[in-house]
Amino acid sequence: MVVEEIIAAVVPGLTTRVVDSVEQLHHIEPAGVDLVVSDLVLPNSKPAEVIDLVSQRFANSLRIFFTALGDAKIERQVANSGALLLSKSQHYKELMVQVQAFLKRDSVNLNSISQRNEFQSLIQMPGSPKPLTIKQAQVMEQVSLGRTGKEIAKILGMSPDTVNAHIKEAFGRLGVQNRGEAVSNYSVARKLAARLHGEAALAHLQPNAD
C-alpha cells in the first residue's frame, strides 16, 4: 500500500497494521501497534462503524483512513476521532504532504512511540556501546531463523520497509555490514545474554512480546 511506503519514508520504525476486514480488526492485538491504516469501506460494515471500531480498539495508536467517498458527515467523524482521512484519488505527493502534516501534528504521540521502540533488549555485542532495541532484537531473532524480510514483516506485523530499517540499524549495533555477519554476531550476543540472564529473560524476542 502506498501509504505504508510514505510512512516508512517519513518516520522509519513505526509498526503499521493495514486492516482489510472487521474480522481482522478483532484479531489484531493493539499492544505495540503504532499506526493503523484502514479502508472506510470494509465488507459487511458501514463507514461510521469502521471509524468507531478502529478508534475504540486502537485508541492509543495513530489512525489513518482511506476512502473514495465524498461524505461530509464521515469526514467530520474522522476529524473528530483524531484520525487522518485520505482520498484514494489523491496523487502520491499530495498524500505525502498530508501524512507529514498529520504526523507532525501528532508529534507527542510520535515521541512516545519513538521512546517505546527504543526500549532496550538484553542483546548486546561485547564492546558495543548500545544493546539492540527490542524491535531490532525481535527482527534479528527472525533473521537468525533464516526467514526473509517479507516473512518477518508478516510475523511481526510490520511493513517490509520497517523490517529493513530495523535490520540496517541492528548492523551498526552489532558491528557488521551484511546479514551473514549479523546472524553470527547476533548468535554470540544472544548466547551471552542467555548465560547472564537466563533463557526466560529473552521472552521479549518473541513476536508481540513488547
C-alpha atoms as a PDB file:
ATOM      1  CA  MET A   1       0.000   0.000   0.000  1.00  0.00           C
ATOM      2  CA  VAL A   2       1.273   3.460  -0.941  1.00  0.00           C
ATOM      3  CA  VAL A   3       0.645   4.968   2.496  1.00  0.00           C
ATOM      4  CA  GLU A   4       2.964   2.369   4.084  1.00  0.00           C
ATOM      5  CA  GLU A   5       5.761   3.471   1.762  1.00  0.00           C
ATOM      6  CA  ILE A   6       5.142   7.099   2.702  1.00  0.00           C
ATOM      7  CA  ILE A   7       5.105   6.365   6.439  1.00  0.00           C
ATOM      8  CA  ALA A   8       8.308   4.319   6.190  1.00  0.00           C
ATOM      9  CA  ALA A   9       9.958   7.233   4.383  1.00  0.00           C
ATOM     10  CA  VAL A  10       8.705   9.897   6.810  1.00  0.00           C
ATOM     11  CA  VAL A  11       9.094   8.027  10.111  1.00  0.00           C
ATOM     12  CA  PRO A  12      11.029   4.741   9.810  1.00  0.00           C
ATOM     13  CA  GLY A  13      10.389   2.182  12.515  1.00  0.00           C
ATOM     14  CA  LEU A  14       6.649   2.554  13.035  1.00  0.00           C
ATOM     15  CA  THR A  15       4.786  -0.728  13.475  1.00  0.00           C
ATOM     16  CA  THR A  16       1.931  -0.348  10.995  1.00  0.00           C
ATOM     17  CA  ARG A  17      -1.056  -2.647  10.530  1.00  0.00           C
ATOM     18  CA  VAL A  18      -3.283  -2.482   7.450  1.00  0.00           C
ATOM     19  CA  VAL A  19      -6.881  -3.572   8.031  1.00  0.00           C
ATOM     20  CA  ASP A  20      -8.815  -5.365   5.276  1.00  0.00           C
ATOM     21  CA  SER A  21     -11.832  -6.599   7.243  1.00  0.00           C
ATOM     22  CA  VAL A  22     -13.720  -6.143  10.508  1.00  0.00           C
ATOM     23  CA  GLU A  23     -12.796  -9.705  11.456  1.00  0.00           C
ATOM     24  CA  GLN A  24      -9.117  -8.821  11.116  1.00  0.00           C
ATOM     25  CA  LEU A  25      -9.630  -5.838  13.418  1.00  0.00           C
ATOM     26  CA  HIS A  26     -10.763  -8.146  16.190  1.00  0.00           C
ATOM     27  CA  HIS A  27      -7.733 -10.398  15.771  1.00  0.00           C
ATOM     28  CA  ILE A  28      -5.041  -7.698  15.803  1.00  0.00           C
ATOM     29  CA  GLU A  29      -3.529  -7.213  19.262  1.00  0.00           C
ATOM     30  CA  PRO A  30      -3.491  -3.412  19.864  1.00  0.00           C
ATOM     31  CA  ALA A  31      -0.397  -3.510  22.097  1.00  0.00           C
ATOM     32  CA  GLY A  32       2.687  -2.493  20.160  1.00  0.00           C
ATOM     33  CA  VAL A  33       0.783  -1.165  17.140  1.00  0.00           C
ATOM     34  CA  ASP A  34       1.958   2.367  16.332  1.00  0.00           C
ATOM     35  CA  LEU A  35      -0.331   3.128  13.418  1.00  0.00           C
ATOM     36  CA  VAL A  36      -3.436   1.557  11.882  1.00  0.00           C
ATOM     37  CA  VAL A  37      -4.422   2.065   8.239  1.00  0.00           C
ATOM     38  CA  SER A  38      -7.953   1.099   7.229  1.00  0.00           C
ATOM     39  CA  ASP A  39     -10.280   1.497   4.274  1.00  0.00           C
ATOM     40  CA  LEU A  40     -13.590   3.009   5.346  1.00  0.00           C
ATOM     41  CA  VAL A  41     -15.464   0.527   3.179  1.00  0.00           C
ATOM     42  CA  LEU A  42     -14.997  -2.921   4.713  1.00  0.00           C
ATOM     43  CA  PRO A  43     -17.156  -5.984   3.970  1.00  0.00           C
ATOM     44  CA  ASN A  44     -20.428  -6.137   5.939  1.00  0.00           C
ATOM     45  CA  SER A  45     -19.792  -2.865   7.742  1.00  0.00           C
ATOM     46  CA  LYS A  46     -20.709   0.800   7.361  1.00  0.00           C
ATOM     47  CA  PRO A  47     -18.017   3.544   7.294  1.00  0.00           C
ATOM     48  CA  ALA A  48     -19.269   5.064  10.560  1.00  0.00           C
ATOM     49  CA  GLU A  49     -18.994   1.674  12.264  1.00  0.00           C
ATOM     50  CA  VAL A  50     -15.453   1.182  10.952  1.00  0.00           C
ATOM     51  CA  ILE A  51     -14.392   4.566  12.324  1.00  0.00           C
ATOM     52  CA  ASP A  52     -15.866   3.815  15.752  1.00  0.00           C
ATOM     53  CA  LEU A  53     -14.400   0.321  15.953  1.00  0.00           C
ATOM     54  CA  VAL A  54     -10.891   1.340  14.889  1.00  0.00           C
ATOM     55  CA  SER A  55     -10.932   4.380  17.191  1.00  0.00           C
ATOM     56  CA  GLN A  56     -12.061   2.344  20.193  1.00  0.00           C
ATOM     57  CA  ARG A  57      -9.799  -0.652  19.660  1.00  0.00           C
ATOM     58  CA  PHE A  58      -6.712   1.389  18.763  1.00  0.00           C
ATOM     59  CA  ALA A  59      -7.254   4.450  20.933  1.00  0.00           C
ATOM     60  CA  ASN A  60      -3.521   4.659  21.718  1.00  0.00           C
ATOM     61  CA  SER A  61      -2.371   4.294  18.108  1.00  0.00           C
ATOM     62  CA  LEU A  62      -2.217   6.753  15.237  1.00  0.00           C
ATOM     63  CA  ARG A  63      -5.039   6.096  12.744  1.00  0.00           C
ATOM     64  CA  ILE A  64      -5.349   6.734   9.010  1.00  0.00           C
ATOM     65  CA  PHE A  65      -8.449   6.009   6.928  1.00  0.00           C
ATOM     66  CA  PHE A  66      -8.726   5.714   3.140  1.00  0.00           C
ATOM     67  CA  THR A  67     -11.898   6.428   1.212  1.00  0.00           C
ATOM     68  CA  ALA A  68     -13.303   7.007  -2.254  1.00  0.00           C
ATOM     69  CA  LEU A  69     -16.408   8.595  -0.738  1.00  0.00           C
ATOM     70  CA  GLY A  70     -17.157  12.309  -0.560  1.00  0.00           C
ATOM     71  CA  ASP A  71     -19.359  12.312   2.528  1.00  0.00           C
ATOM     72  CA  ALA A  72     -19.025  15.452   4.679  1.00  0.00           C
ATOM     73  CA  LYS A  73     -20.546  13.695   7.695  1.00  0.00           C
ATOM     74  CA  ILE A  74     -17.956  10.917   7.512  1.00  0.00           C
ATOM     75  CA  GLU A  75     -15.174  13.474   7.087  1.00  0.00           C
ATOM     76  CA  ARG A  76     -16.287  15.232  10.280  1.00  0.00           C
ATOM     77  CA  GLN A  77     -16.468  11.935  12.173  1.00  0.00           C
ATOM     78  CA  VAL A  78     -12.912  11.040  11.165  1.00  0.00           C
ATOM     79  CA  ALA A  79     -11.654  14.508  12.101  1.00  0.00           C
ATOM     80  CA  ASN A  80     -13.418  14.365  15.479  1.00  0.00           C
ATOM     81  CA  SER A  81     -11.828  10.976  16.179  1.00  0.00           C
ATOM     82  CA  GLY A  82      -8.358  12.496  15.773  1.00  0.00           C
ATOM     83  CA  ALA A  83      -7.546  10.392  12.721  1.00  0.00           C
ATOM     84  CA  LEU A  84      -6.456  11.333   9.205  1.00  0.00           C
ATOM     85  CA  LEU A  85      -8.694  10.783   6.175  1.00  0.00           C
ATOM     86  CA  LEU A  86      -7.028  10.283   2.792  1.00  0.00           C
ATOM     87  CA  SER A  87      -8.708  10.127  -0.597  1.00  0.00           C
ATOM     88  CA  LYS A  88      -7.910   7.274  -2.967  1.00  0.00           C
ATOM     89  CA  SER A  89      -7.933   9.756  -5.837  1.00  0.00           C
ATOM     90  CA  GLN A  90      -5.017  11.795  -4.472  1.00  0.00           C
ATOM     91  CA  HIS A  91      -1.587  11.683  -6.057  1.00  0.00           C
ATOM     92  CA  TYR A  92       1.488  10.388  -4.203  1.00  0.00           C
ATOM     93  CA  LYS A  93       2.891  13.870  -3.490  1.00  0.00           C
ATOM     94  CA  GLU A  94      -0.434  15.061  -2.083  1.00  0.00           C
ATOM     95  CA  LEU A  95      -0.621  12.020   0.171  1.00  0.00           C
ATOM     96  CA  MET A  96       2.956  12.612   1.324  1.00  0.00           C
ATOM     97  CA  VAL A  97       2.154  16.212   2.322  1.00  0.00           C
ATOM     98  CA  GLN A  98      -0.943  15.171   4.267  1.00  0.00           C
ATOM     99  CA  VAL A  99       0.775  12.309   6.073  1.00  0.00           C
ATOM    100  CA  GLN A 100       3.736  14.530   7.000  1.00  0.00           C
ATOM    101  CA  ALA A 101       1.387  17.201   8.365  1.00  0.00           C
ATOM    102  CA  PHE A 102      -0.596  14.603  10.322  1.00  0.00           C
ATOM    103  CA  LEU A 103       2.494  13.046  11.891  1.00  0.00           C
ATOM    104  CA  LYS A 104       3.892  16.484  12.712  1.00  0.00           C
ATOM    105  CA  ARG A 105       0.601  17.405  14.385  1.00  0.00           C
ATOM    106  CA  ASP A 106       0.793  14.229  16.449  1.00  0.00           C
ATOM    107  CA  SER A 107       4.429  14.763  17.422  1.00  0.00           C
ATOM    108  CA  VAL A 108       3.616  13.960  21.071  1.00  0.00           C
ATOM    109  CA  ASN A 109       2.351  10.527  20.049  1.00  0.00           C
ATOM    110  CA  LEU A 110       5.362  10.051  17.806  1.00  0.00           C
ATOM    111  CA  ASN A 111       7.743  10.879  20.640  1.00  0.00           C
ATOM    112  CA  SER A 112       6.010   8.303  22.813  1.00  0.00           C
ATOM    113  CA  ILE A 113       6.237   5.728  20.031  1.00  0.00           C
ATOM    114  CA  SER A 114       9.892   6.532  19.436  1.00  0.00           C
ATOM    115  CA  GLN A 115      10.681   6.090  23.116  1.00  0.00           C
ATOM    116  CA  ARG A 116       8.834   2.784  23.239  1.00  0.00           C
ATOM    117  CA  ASN A 117      10.598   1.484  20.143  1.00  0.00           C
ATOM    118  CA  GLU A 118      13.915   2.428  21.734  1.00  0.00           C
ATOM    119  CA  PHE A 119      13.333   0.263  24.816  1.00  0.00           C
ATOM    120  CA  GLN A 120      16.499  -1.757  25.101  1.00  0.00           C
ATOM    121  CA  SER A 121      16.718  -5.509  24.837  1.00  0.00           C
ATOM    122  CA  LEU A 122      19.251  -7.691  26.632  1.00  0.00           C
ATOM    123  CA  ILE A 123      21.099  -8.383  23.377  1.00  0.00           C
ATOM    124  CA  GLN A 124      24.397  -6.516  23.276  1.00  0.00           C
ATOM    125  CA  MET A 125      27.552  -7.358  21.391  1.00  0.00           C
ATOM    126  CA  PRO A 126      30.636  -7.222  23.651  1.00  0.00           C
ATOM    127  CA  GLY A 127      32.342  -3.887  23.062  1.00  0.00           C
ATOM    128  CA  SER A 128      29.253  -2.244  21.569  1.00  0.00           C
ATOM    129  CA  PRO A 129      28.115   0.960  23.332  1.00  0.00           C
ATOM    130  CA  LYS A 130      24.431   0.116  22.812  1.00  0.00           C
ATOM    131  CA  PRO A 131      22.328  -3.058  23.008  1.00  0.00           C
ATOM    132  CA  LEU A 132      19.765  -3.775  20.315  1.00  0.00           C
ATOM    133  CA  THR A 133      16.356  -2.214  20.852  1.00  0.00           C
ATOM    134  CA  ILE A 134      13.511  -4.654  21.442  1.00  0.00           C
ATOM    135  CA  LYS A 135      12.254  -4.156  17.888  1.00  0.00           C
ATOM    136  CA  GLN A 136      15.723  -4.717  16.420  1.00  0.00           C
ATOM    137  CA  ALA A 137      16.221  -7.829  18.539  1.00  0.00           C
ATOM    138  CA  GLN A 138      12.854  -9.252  17.506  1.00  0.00           C
ATOM    139  CA  VAL A 139      13.721  -8.735  13.849  1.00  0.00           C
ATOM    140  CA  MET A 140      17.202 -10.227  14.240  1.00  0.00           C
ATOM    141  CA  GLU A 141      15.735 -13.241  16.040  1.00  0.00           C
ATOM    142  CA  GLN A 142      13.686 -13.941  12.919  1.00  0.00           C
ATOM    143  CA  VAL A 143      16.645 -13.239  10.616  1.00  0.00           C
ATOM    144  CA  SER A 144      18.697 -15.771  12.592  1.00  0.00           C
ATOM    145  CA  LEU A 145      15.971 -18.346  11.897  1.00  0.00           C
ATOM    146  CA  GLY A 146      16.520 -17.862   8.174  1.00  0.00           C
ATOM    147  CA  ARG A 147      13.317 -16.006   7.427  1.00  0.00           C
ATOM    148  CA  THR A 148      13.004 -13.482   4.600  1.00  0.00           C
ATOM    149  CA  GLY A 149      12.122  -9.829   5.036  1.00  0.00           C
ATOM    150  CA  LYS A 150       8.564 -10.435   3.826  1.00  0.00           C
ATOM    151  CA  GLU A 151       8.114 -13.365   6.195  1.00  0.00           C
ATOM    152  CA  ILE A 152       9.425 -11.314   9.111  1.00  0.00           C
ATOM    153  CA  ALA A 153       7.112  -8.436   8.211  1.00  0.00           C
ATOM    154  CA  LYS A 154       4.106 -10.760   8.353  1.00  0.00           C
ATOM    155  CA  ILE A 155       5.164 -12.413  11.615  1.00  0.00           C
ATOM    156  CA  LEU A 156       5.923  -9.158  13.447  1.00  0.00           C
ATOM    157  CA  GLY A 157       3.121  -7.101  11.907  1.00  0.00           C
ATOM    158  CA  MET A 158       5.471  -4.607  10.268  1.00  0.00           C
ATOM    159  CA  SER A 159       5.892  -3.403   6.717  1.00  0.00           C
ATOM    160  CA  PRO A 160       8.890  -4.838   4.795  1.00  0.00           C
ATOM    161  CA  ASP A 161      10.409  -1.341   4.757  1.00  0.00           C
ATOM    162  CA  THR A 162      10.221  -1.175   8.553  1.00  0.00           C
ATOM    163  CA  VAL A 163      11.877  -4.586   8.838  1.00  0.00           C
ATOM    164  CA  ASN A 164      14.724  -3.429   6.592  1.00  0.00           C
ATOM    165  CA  ALA A 165      15.118  -0.248   8.642  1.00  0.00           C
ATOM    166  CA  HIS A 166      15.485  -2.272  11.858  1.00  0.00           C
ATOM    167  CA  ILE A 167      17.982  -4.636  10.214  1.00  0.00           C
ATOM    168  CA  LYS A 168      20.069  -1.705   8.993  1.00  0.00           C
ATOM    169  CA  GLU A 169      20.145  -0.167  12.468  1.00  0.00           C
ATOM    170  CA  ALA A 170      20.977  -3.544  14.020  1.00  0.00           C
ATOM    171  CA  PHE A 171      24.001  -3.878  11.709  1.00  0.00           C
ATOM    172  CA  GLY A 172      25.543  -0.805  13.329  1.00  0.00           C
ATOM    173  CA  ARG A 173      24.958  -2.021  16.872  1.00  0.00           C
ATOM    174  CA  LEU A 174      26.275  -5.477  16.032  1.00  0.00           C
ATOM    175  CA  GLY A 175      29.306  -4.020  14.238  1.00  0.00           C
ATOM    176  CA  VAL A 176      28.642  -5.766  10.905  1.00  0.00           C
ATOM    177  CA  GLN A 177      27.973  -4.941   7.270  1.00  0.00           C
ATOM    178  CA  ASN A 178      25.898  -7.857   5.982  1.00  0.00           C
ATOM    179  CA  ARG A 179      23.304 -10.405   7.089  1.00  0.00           C
ATOM    180  CA  GLY A 180      25.736 -13.277   7.424  1.00  0.00           C
ATOM    181  CA  GLU A 181      27.936 -11.356   9.850  1.00  0.00           C
ATOM    182  CA  ALA A 182      24.840 -10.011  11.607  1.00  0.00           C
ATOM    183  CA  VAL A 183      23.467 -13.502  12.264  1.00  0.00           C
ATOM    184  CA  SER A 184      26.862 -14.655  13.544  1.00  0.00           C
ATOM    185  CA  ASN A 185      27.305 -11.721  15.935  1.00  0.00           C
ATOM    186  CA  TYR A 186      23.664 -11.845  16.991  1.00  0.00           C
ATOM    187  CA  SER A 187      24.085 -15.507  17.901  1.00  0.00           C
ATOM    188  CA  VAL A 188      27.106 -14.648  20.056  1.00  0.00           C
ATOM    189  CA  ALA A 189      25.281 -11.795  21.790  1.00  0.00           C
ATOM    190  CA  ARG A 190      22.152 -13.893  22.310  1.00  0.00           C
ATOM    191  CA  LYS A 191      24.076 -16.767  23.900  1.00  0.00           C
ATOM    192  CA  LEU A 192      25.831 -14.306  26.191  1.00  0.00           C
ATOM    193  CA  ALA A 193      22.503 -12.763  27.239  1.00  0.00           C
ATOM    194  CA  ALA A 194      21.010 -16.211  27.902  1.00  0.00           C
ATOM    195  CA  ARG A 195      24.021 -17.162  30.013  1.00  0.00           C
ATOM    196  CA  LEU A 196      23.889 -13.939  32.034  1.00  0.00           C
ATOM    197  CA  HIS A 197      20.139 -13.562  32.437  1.00  0.00           C
ATOM    198  CA  GLY A 198      18.617 -16.959  31.651  1.00  0.00           C
ATOM    199  CA  GLU A 199      16.622 -18.003  28.597  1.00  0.00           C
ATOM    200  CA  ALA A 200      13.343 -16.949  30.215  1.00  0.00           C
ATOM    201  CA  ALA A 201      14.582 -13.350  30.287  1.00  0.00           C
ATOM    202  CA  LEU A 202      14.711 -13.377  26.484  1.00  0.00           C
ATOM    203  CA  ALA A 203      10.952 -13.703  26.096  1.00  0.00           C
ATOM    204  CA  HIS A 204      10.958 -10.180  24.667  1.00  0.00           C
ATOM    205  CA  LEU A 205      12.496 -11.598  21.485  1.00  0.00           C
ATOM    206  CA  GLN A 206       9.256 -13.334  20.561  1.00  0.00           C
ATOM    207  CA  PRO A 207       6.557 -11.736  18.364  1.00  0.00           C
ATOM    208  CA  ASN A 208       4.143  -9.408  20.215  1.00  0.00           C
ATOM    209  CA  ALA A 209       6.254  -9.620  23.380  1.00  0.00           C
ATOM    210  CA  ASP A 210       6.566  -5.838  23.625  1.00  0.00           C
END
